[in-house]
Amino acid sequence: MMMIYGLIPFMRQTLPYSEMQQTIDYRWPTNSRVGQRASAQFIGVGDEKITLSGELRPEITGGAISMLTIKLLADEGRAWPLIGGNGTIYGMYVIENYSSTSSEFYSDGSASKIMFSLNLLRVDESLTSMFGDLKKQADGLISGAGSLPGQVTSAMASVKTAAGNLISQAGGLIG
């Protein structure tokens, strides 16, 4: 697997990309000064974009179904995690733009060559904001596990009561 976006893996059988371009903008506004060069101030990271492009050959790689899957994911308008095949976590991305060009057609009208380009925009603040505070998550899981036996006992008592009521109602219908 080359990369995964949400639940869609990029690999030879689905959407193998031949190029990946990553662009990160850094914001440096300037203020004009009399008789001097304008001063610049760093105010943070701007847009982070990834463009994936490639060529599909449906007899070897993914094809129209793979492209439809990407389109349906884009239509949802949700952010999904983008993770490289080597384990690199890029962040949460939305599909900003998708394009495909079909050519070299078979007699049934299906394309034997599909060129695609997918533009992704990062929408999370940082990996910390994406995953949250891991210690808080772990503490919540541990405290939740501590109350689990009581919850199981309570659920079993509710099932027993519901089953008893059902049996008594069924007995009244039969008798």
C-alpha atoms as a PDB file:
ATOM      1  CA  MET A   1       0.000   0.000   0.000  1.00  0.00           C
ATOM      2  CA  MET A   2       1.345   3.399  -0.983  1.00  0.00           C
ATOM      3  CA  MET A   3      -1.008   5.521   1.120  1.00  0.00           C
ATOM      4  CA  ILE A   4      -4.502   5.462   2.604  1.00  0.00           C
ATOM      5  CA  TYR A   5      -7.063   8.276   2.635  1.00  0.00           C
ATOM      6  CA  GLY A   6     -10.002   7.517   4.895  1.00  0.00           C
ATOM      7  CA  LEU A   7     -10.882   3.968   3.918  1.00  0.00           C
ATOM      8  CA  ILE A   8      -9.462   4.140   0.388  1.00  0.00           C
ATOM      9  CA  PRO A   9      -6.027   2.588  -0.057  1.00  0.00           C
ATOM     10  CA  PHE A  10      -3.785   3.890  -2.823  1.00  0.00           C
ATOM     11  CA  MET A  11      -2.112   0.829  -4.321  1.00  0.00           C
ATOM     12  CA  ARG A  12      -1.643  -0.785  -7.720  1.00  0.00           C
ATOM     13  CA  GLN A  13      -5.091  -2.411  -7.724  1.00  0.00           C
ATOM     14  CA  THR A  14      -6.975   0.790  -6.811  1.00  0.00           C
ATOM     15  CA  LEU A  15      -5.395   4.230  -7.356  1.00  0.00           C
ATOM     16  CA  PRO A  16      -1.638   4.071  -7.841  1.00  0.00           C
ATOM     17  CA  TYR A  17      -0.273   7.599  -8.067  1.00  0.00           C
ATOM     18  CA  SER A  18       2.928   8.394  -9.914  1.00  0.00           C
ATOM     19  CA  GLU A  19       3.452  11.865  -8.450  1.00  0.00           C
ATOM     20  CA  MET A  20       2.896  13.380  -5.031  1.00  0.00           C
ATOM     21  CA  GLN A  21       3.387  17.086  -4.535  1.00  0.00           C
ATOM     22  CA  GLN A  22       3.197  18.642  -1.056  1.00  0.00           C
ATOM     23  CA  THR A  23       2.906  22.408  -0.655  1.00  0.00           C
ATOM     24  CA  ILE A  24       2.975  24.234   2.686  1.00  0.00           C
ATOM     25  CA  ASP A  25       2.447  27.993   2.848  1.00  0.00           C
ATOM     26  CA  TYR A  26       3.966  30.097   5.611  1.00  0.00           C
ATOM     27  CA  ARG A  27       2.362  33.439   6.374  1.00  0.00           C
ATOM     28  CA  TRP A  28       4.720  36.442   6.438  1.00  0.00           C
ATOM     29  CA  PRO A  29       2.774  39.716   6.127  1.00  0.00           C
ATOM     30  CA  THR A  30       4.830  42.868   5.637  1.00  0.00           C
ATOM     31  CA  ASN A  31       4.519  46.450   6.838  1.00  0.00           C
ATOM     32  CA  SER A  32       5.904  49.297   4.763  1.00  0.00           C
ATOM     33  CA  ARG A  33       8.443  51.568   6.423  1.00  0.00           C
ATOM     34  CA  VAL A  34       9.726  54.955   5.282  1.00  0.00           C
ATOM     35  CA  GLY A  35      13.280  54.799   3.974  1.00  0.00           C
ATOM     36  CA  GLN A  36      13.706  51.140   4.914  1.00  0.00           C
ATOM     37  CA  ARG A  37      12.844  47.738   3.594  1.00  0.00           C
ATOM     38  CA  ALA A  38       9.394  46.514   4.638  1.00  0.00           C
ATOM     39  CA  SER A  39       9.397  44.558   7.883  1.00  0.00           C
ATOM     40  CA  ALA A  40       8.038  41.016   7.838  1.00  0.00           C
ATOM     41  CA  GLN A  41       6.483  39.086  10.699  1.00  0.00           C
ATOM     42  CA  PHE A  42       5.866  35.344  10.850  1.00  0.00           C
ATOM     43  CA  ILE A  43       2.272  34.706  11.926  1.00  0.00           C
ATOM     44  CA  GLY A  44       2.048  30.969  11.414  1.00  0.00           C
ATOM     45  CA  VAL A  45       1.611  28.142   8.996  1.00  0.00           C
ATOM     46  CA  GLY A  46      -0.854  28.656   6.159  1.00  0.00           C
ATOM     47  CA  ASP A  47      -2.492  26.139   3.841  1.00  0.00           C
ATOM     48  CA  GLU A  48      -1.007  22.689   3.494  1.00  0.00           C
ATOM     49  CA  LYS A  49      -1.913  20.889   0.283  1.00  0.00           C
ATOM     50  CA  ILE A  50      -1.080  17.545  -1.268  1.00  0.00           C
ATOM     51  CA  THR A  51      -1.636  16.746  -4.924  1.00  0.00           C
ATOM     52  CA  LEU A  52      -1.658  13.143  -6.082  1.00  0.00           C
ATOM     53  CA  SER A  53      -1.658  12.396  -9.792  1.00  0.00           C
ATOM     54  CA  GLY A  54      -1.292   9.295 -11.856  1.00  0.00           C
ATOM     55  CA  GLU A  55      -2.444   7.131 -14.695  1.00  0.00           C
ATOM     56  CA  LEU A  56      -4.852   4.247 -14.379  1.00  0.00           C
ATOM     57  CA  ARG A  57      -4.882   1.319 -16.778  1.00  0.00           C
ATOM     58  CA  PRO A  58      -8.049  -0.614 -15.807  1.00  0.00           C
ATOM     59  CA  GLU A  59      -6.700  -3.910 -17.110  1.00  0.00           C
ATOM     60  CA  ILE A  60      -3.803  -3.649 -14.610  1.00  0.00           C
ATOM     61  CA  THR A  61      -4.807  -1.054 -12.005  1.00  0.00           C
ATOM     62  CA  GLY A  62      -8.012   0.407 -10.657  1.00  0.00           C
ATOM     63  CA  GLY A  63     -10.351   2.138 -13.060  1.00  0.00           C
ATOM     64  CA  ALA A  64     -13.727   3.829 -13.186  1.00  0.00           C
ATOM     65  CA  ILE A  65     -14.890   2.233  -9.912  1.00  0.00           C
ATOM     66  CA  SER A  66     -11.831   3.577  -8.066  1.00  0.00           C
ATOM     67  CA  MET A  67     -12.484   7.057  -9.440  1.00  0.00           C
ATOM     68  CA  LEU A  68     -16.167   6.828  -8.479  1.00  0.00           C
ATOM     69  CA  THR A  69     -15.147   5.899  -4.936  1.00  0.00           C
ATOM     70  CA  ILE A  70     -13.008   9.036  -4.671  1.00  0.00           C
ATOM     71  CA  LYS A  71     -15.853  11.161  -6.054  1.00  0.00           C
ATOM     72  CA  LEU A  72     -18.321   9.734  -3.523  1.00  0.00           C
ATOM     73  CA  LEU A  73     -15.855  10.417  -0.705  1.00  0.00           C
ATOM     74  CA  ALA A  74     -15.452  14.006  -1.921  1.00  0.00           C
ATOM     75  CA  ASP A  75     -19.240  14.451  -2.163  1.00  0.00           C
ATOM     76  CA  GLU A  76     -19.537  13.744   1.589  1.00  0.00           C
ATOM     77  CA  GLY A  77     -17.566  16.898   2.360  1.00  0.00           C
ATOM     78  CA  ARG A  78     -15.810  15.346   5.357  1.00  0.00           C
ATOM     79  CA  ALA A  79     -12.192  15.353   6.489  1.00  0.00           C
ATOM     80  CA  TRP A  80     -10.401  12.013   6.499  1.00  0.00           C
ATOM     81  CA  PRO A  81      -6.970  10.998   7.785  1.00  0.00           C
ATOM     82  CA  LEU A  82      -4.170  10.717   5.231  1.00  0.00           C
ATOM     83  CA  ILE A  83      -1.525   8.165   6.184  1.00  0.00           C
ATOM     84  CA  GLY A  84       1.469   7.100   4.110  1.00  0.00           C
ATOM     85  CA  GLY A  85       2.305   3.444   3.524  1.00  0.00           C
ATOM     86  CA  ASN A  86       5.472   3.951   5.569  1.00  0.00           C
ATOM     87  CA  GLY A  87       3.412   5.108   8.582  1.00  0.00           C
ATOM     88  CA  THR A  88       3.745   8.874   8.041  1.00  0.00           C
ATOM     89  CA  ILE A  89       0.642  10.610   9.398  1.00  0.00           C
ATOM     90  CA  TYR A  90      -0.009  13.658   7.242  1.00  0.00           C
ATOM     91  CA  GLY A  91      -3.143  14.848   9.058  1.00  0.00           C
ATOM     92  CA  MET A  92      -6.836  15.333   8.312  1.00  0.00           C
ATOM     93  CA  TYR A  93      -7.544  16.266   4.703  1.00  0.00           C
ATOM     94  CA  VAL A  94     -10.539  17.152   2.556  1.00  0.00           C
ATOM     95  CA  ILE A  95     -10.758  16.689  -1.194  1.00  0.00           C
ATOM     96  CA  GLU A  96     -10.517  20.170  -2.598  1.00  0.00           C
ATOM     97  CA  ASN A  97     -10.442  19.226  -6.258  1.00  0.00           C
ATOM     98  CA  TYR A  98     -10.614  16.072  -8.336  1.00  0.00           C
ATOM     99  CA  SER A  99     -10.138  15.692 -12.069  1.00  0.00           C
ATOM    100  CA  SER A 100      -9.823  12.820 -14.497  1.00  0.00           C
ATOM    101  CA  THR A 101      -9.241  12.528 -18.215  1.00  0.00           C
ATOM    102  CA  SER A 102     -10.206   9.352 -20.066  1.00  0.00           C
ATOM    103  CA  SER A 103      -8.661   8.321 -23.377  1.00  0.00           C
ATOM    104  CA  GLU A 104      -7.844   5.320 -25.559  1.00  0.00           C
ATOM    105  CA  PHE A 105     -11.328   3.841 -25.555  1.00  0.00           C
ATOM    106  CA  TYR A 106     -12.459   0.267 -26.125  1.00  0.00           C
ATOM    107  CA  SER A 107     -15.328  -0.505 -28.505  1.00  0.00           C
ATOM    108  CA  ASP A 108     -17.818  -0.477 -25.571  1.00  0.00           C
ATOM    109  CA  GLY A 109     -16.838   3.109 -24.698  1.00  0.00           C
ATOM    110  CA  SER A 110     -14.814   2.306 -21.565  1.00  0.00           C
ATOM    111  CA  ALA A 111     -11.421   3.944 -21.277  1.00  0.00           C
ATOM    112  CA  SER A 112      -8.200   1.968 -21.289  1.00  0.00           C
ATOM    113  CA  LYS A 113      -6.324   5.012 -19.942  1.00  0.00           C
ATOM    114  CA  ILE A 114      -7.490   7.339 -17.160  1.00  0.00           C
ATOM    115  CA  MET A 115      -5.305  10.223 -16.005  1.00  0.00           C
ATOM    116  CA  PHE A 116      -6.273  11.608 -12.603  1.00  0.00           C
ATOM    117  CA  SER A 117      -5.341  14.402 -10.243  1.00  0.00           C
ATOM    118  CA  LEU A 118      -6.519  14.741  -6.658  1.00  0.00           C
ATOM    119  CA  ASN A 119      -5.962  17.921  -4.628  1.00  0.00           C
ATOM    120  CA  LEU A 120      -6.197  17.529  -0.855  1.00  0.00           C
ATOM    121  CA  LEU A 121      -6.310  20.347   1.715  1.00  0.00           C
ATOM    122  CA  ARG A 122      -5.275  19.855   5.322  1.00  0.00           C
ATOM    123  CA  VAL A 123      -7.952  21.059   7.741  1.00  0.00           C
ATOM    124  CA  ASP A 124      -6.672  20.092  11.206  1.00  0.00           C
ATOM    125  CA  GLU A 125      -4.523  22.413  13.281  1.00  0.00           C
ATOM    126  CA  SER A 126      -1.847  19.878  14.172  1.00  0.00           C
ATOM    127  CA  LEU A 127      -1.376  16.200  14.881  1.00  0.00           C
ATOM    128  CA  THR A 128      -1.964  16.995  18.564  1.00  0.00           C
ATOM    129  CA  SER A 129      -5.379  18.463  17.778  1.00  0.00           C
ATOM    130  CA  MET A 130      -6.112  15.530  15.471  1.00  0.00           C
ATOM    131  CA  PHE A 131      -5.469  12.910  18.140  1.00  0.00           C
ATOM    132  CA  GLY A 132      -6.177  15.082  21.171  1.00  0.00           C
ATOM    133  CA  ASP A 133      -4.396  14.680  24.437  1.00  0.00           C
ATOM    134  CA  LEU A 134      -3.495  10.988  24.534  1.00  0.00           C
ATOM    135  CA  LYS A 135      -3.155  11.042  28.340  1.00  0.00           C
ATOM    136  CA  LYS A 136      -6.719  12.340  28.722  1.00  0.00           C
ATOM    137  CA  GLN A 137      -7.965   9.636  26.355  1.00  0.00           C
ATOM    138  CA  ALA A 138      -6.093   6.919  28.271  1.00  0.00           C
ATOM    139  CA  ASP A 139      -7.389   8.205  31.636  1.00  0.00           C
ATOM    140  CA  GLY A 140     -10.947   8.159  30.267  1.00  0.00           C
ATOM    141  CA  LEU A 141     -10.543   4.573  29.065  1.00  0.00           C
ATOM    142  CA  ILE A 142      -9.103   3.447  32.405  1.00  0.00           C
ATOM    143  CA  SER A 143     -11.858   5.105  34.460  1.00  0.00           C
ATOM    144  CA  GLY A 144     -14.493   3.709  32.078  1.00  0.00           C
ATOM    145  CA  ALA A 145     -13.053   0.216  32.474  1.00  0.00           C
ATOM    146  CA  GLY A 146     -13.269   0.549  36.269  1.00  0.00           C
ATOM    147  CA  SER A 147     -17.058   1.015  36.137  1.00  0.00           C
ATOM    148  CA  LEU A 148     -17.557  -1.735  33.548  1.00  0.00           C
ATOM    149  CA  PRO A 149     -18.407  -4.580  36.001  1.00  0.00           C
ATOM    150  CA  GLY A 150     -21.236  -2.518  37.526  1.00  0.00           C
ATOM    151  CA  GLN A 151     -22.576  -1.665  34.079  1.00  0.00           C
ATOM    152  CA  VAL A 152     -22.531  -5.337  33.022  1.00  0.00           C
ATOM    153  CA  THR A 153     -24.343  -6.423  36.215  1.00  0.00           C
ATOM    154  CA  SER A 154     -26.966  -3.707  35.729  1.00  0.00           C
ATOM    155  CA  ALA A 155     -27.486  -4.695  32.079  1.00  0.00           C
ATOM    156  CA  MET A 156     -27.874  -8.368  33.018  1.00  0.00           C
ATOM    157  CA  ALA A 157     -30.483  -7.494  35.675  1.00  0.00           C
ATOM    158  CA  SER A 158     -32.427  -5.460  33.070  1.00  0.00           C
ATOM    159  CA  VAL A 159     -32.361  -8.367  30.602  1.00  0.00           C
ATOM    160  CA  LYS A 160     -33.526 -10.774  33.325  1.00  0.00           C
ATOM    161  CA  THR A 161     -36.428  -8.491  34.244  1.00  0.00           C
ATOM    162  CA  ALA A 162     -37.431  -7.994  30.592  1.00  0.00           C
ATOM    163  CA  ALA A 163     -37.278 -11.762  29.962  1.00  0.00           C
ATOM    164  CA  GLY A 164     -39.406 -12.438  33.069  1.00  0.00           C
ATOM    165  CA  ASN A 165     -42.009  -9.911  31.930  1.00  0.00           C
ATOM    166  CA  LEU A 166     -42.065 -11.426  28.430  1.00  0.00           C
ATOM    167  CA  ILE A 167     -42.533 -14.960  29.803  1.00  0.00           C
ATOM    168  CA  SER A 168     -45.359 -13.893  32.124  1.00  0.00           C
ATOM    169  CA  GLN A 169     -47.098 -12.059  29.245  1.00  0.00           C
ATOM    170  CA  ALA A 170     -46.719 -15.088  26.975  1.00  0.00           C
ATOM    171  CA  GLY A 171     -48.118 -17.327  29.743  1.00  0.00           C
ATOM    172  CA  GLY A 172     -51.169 -15.060  30.036  1.00  0.00           C
ATOM    173  CA  LEU A 173     -51.792 -15.290  26.289  1.00  0.00           C
ATOM    174  CA  ILE A 174     -51.478 -19.088  26.240  1.00  0.00           C
ATOM    175  CA  GLY A 175     -53.553 -19.756  29.373  1.00  0.00           C
END
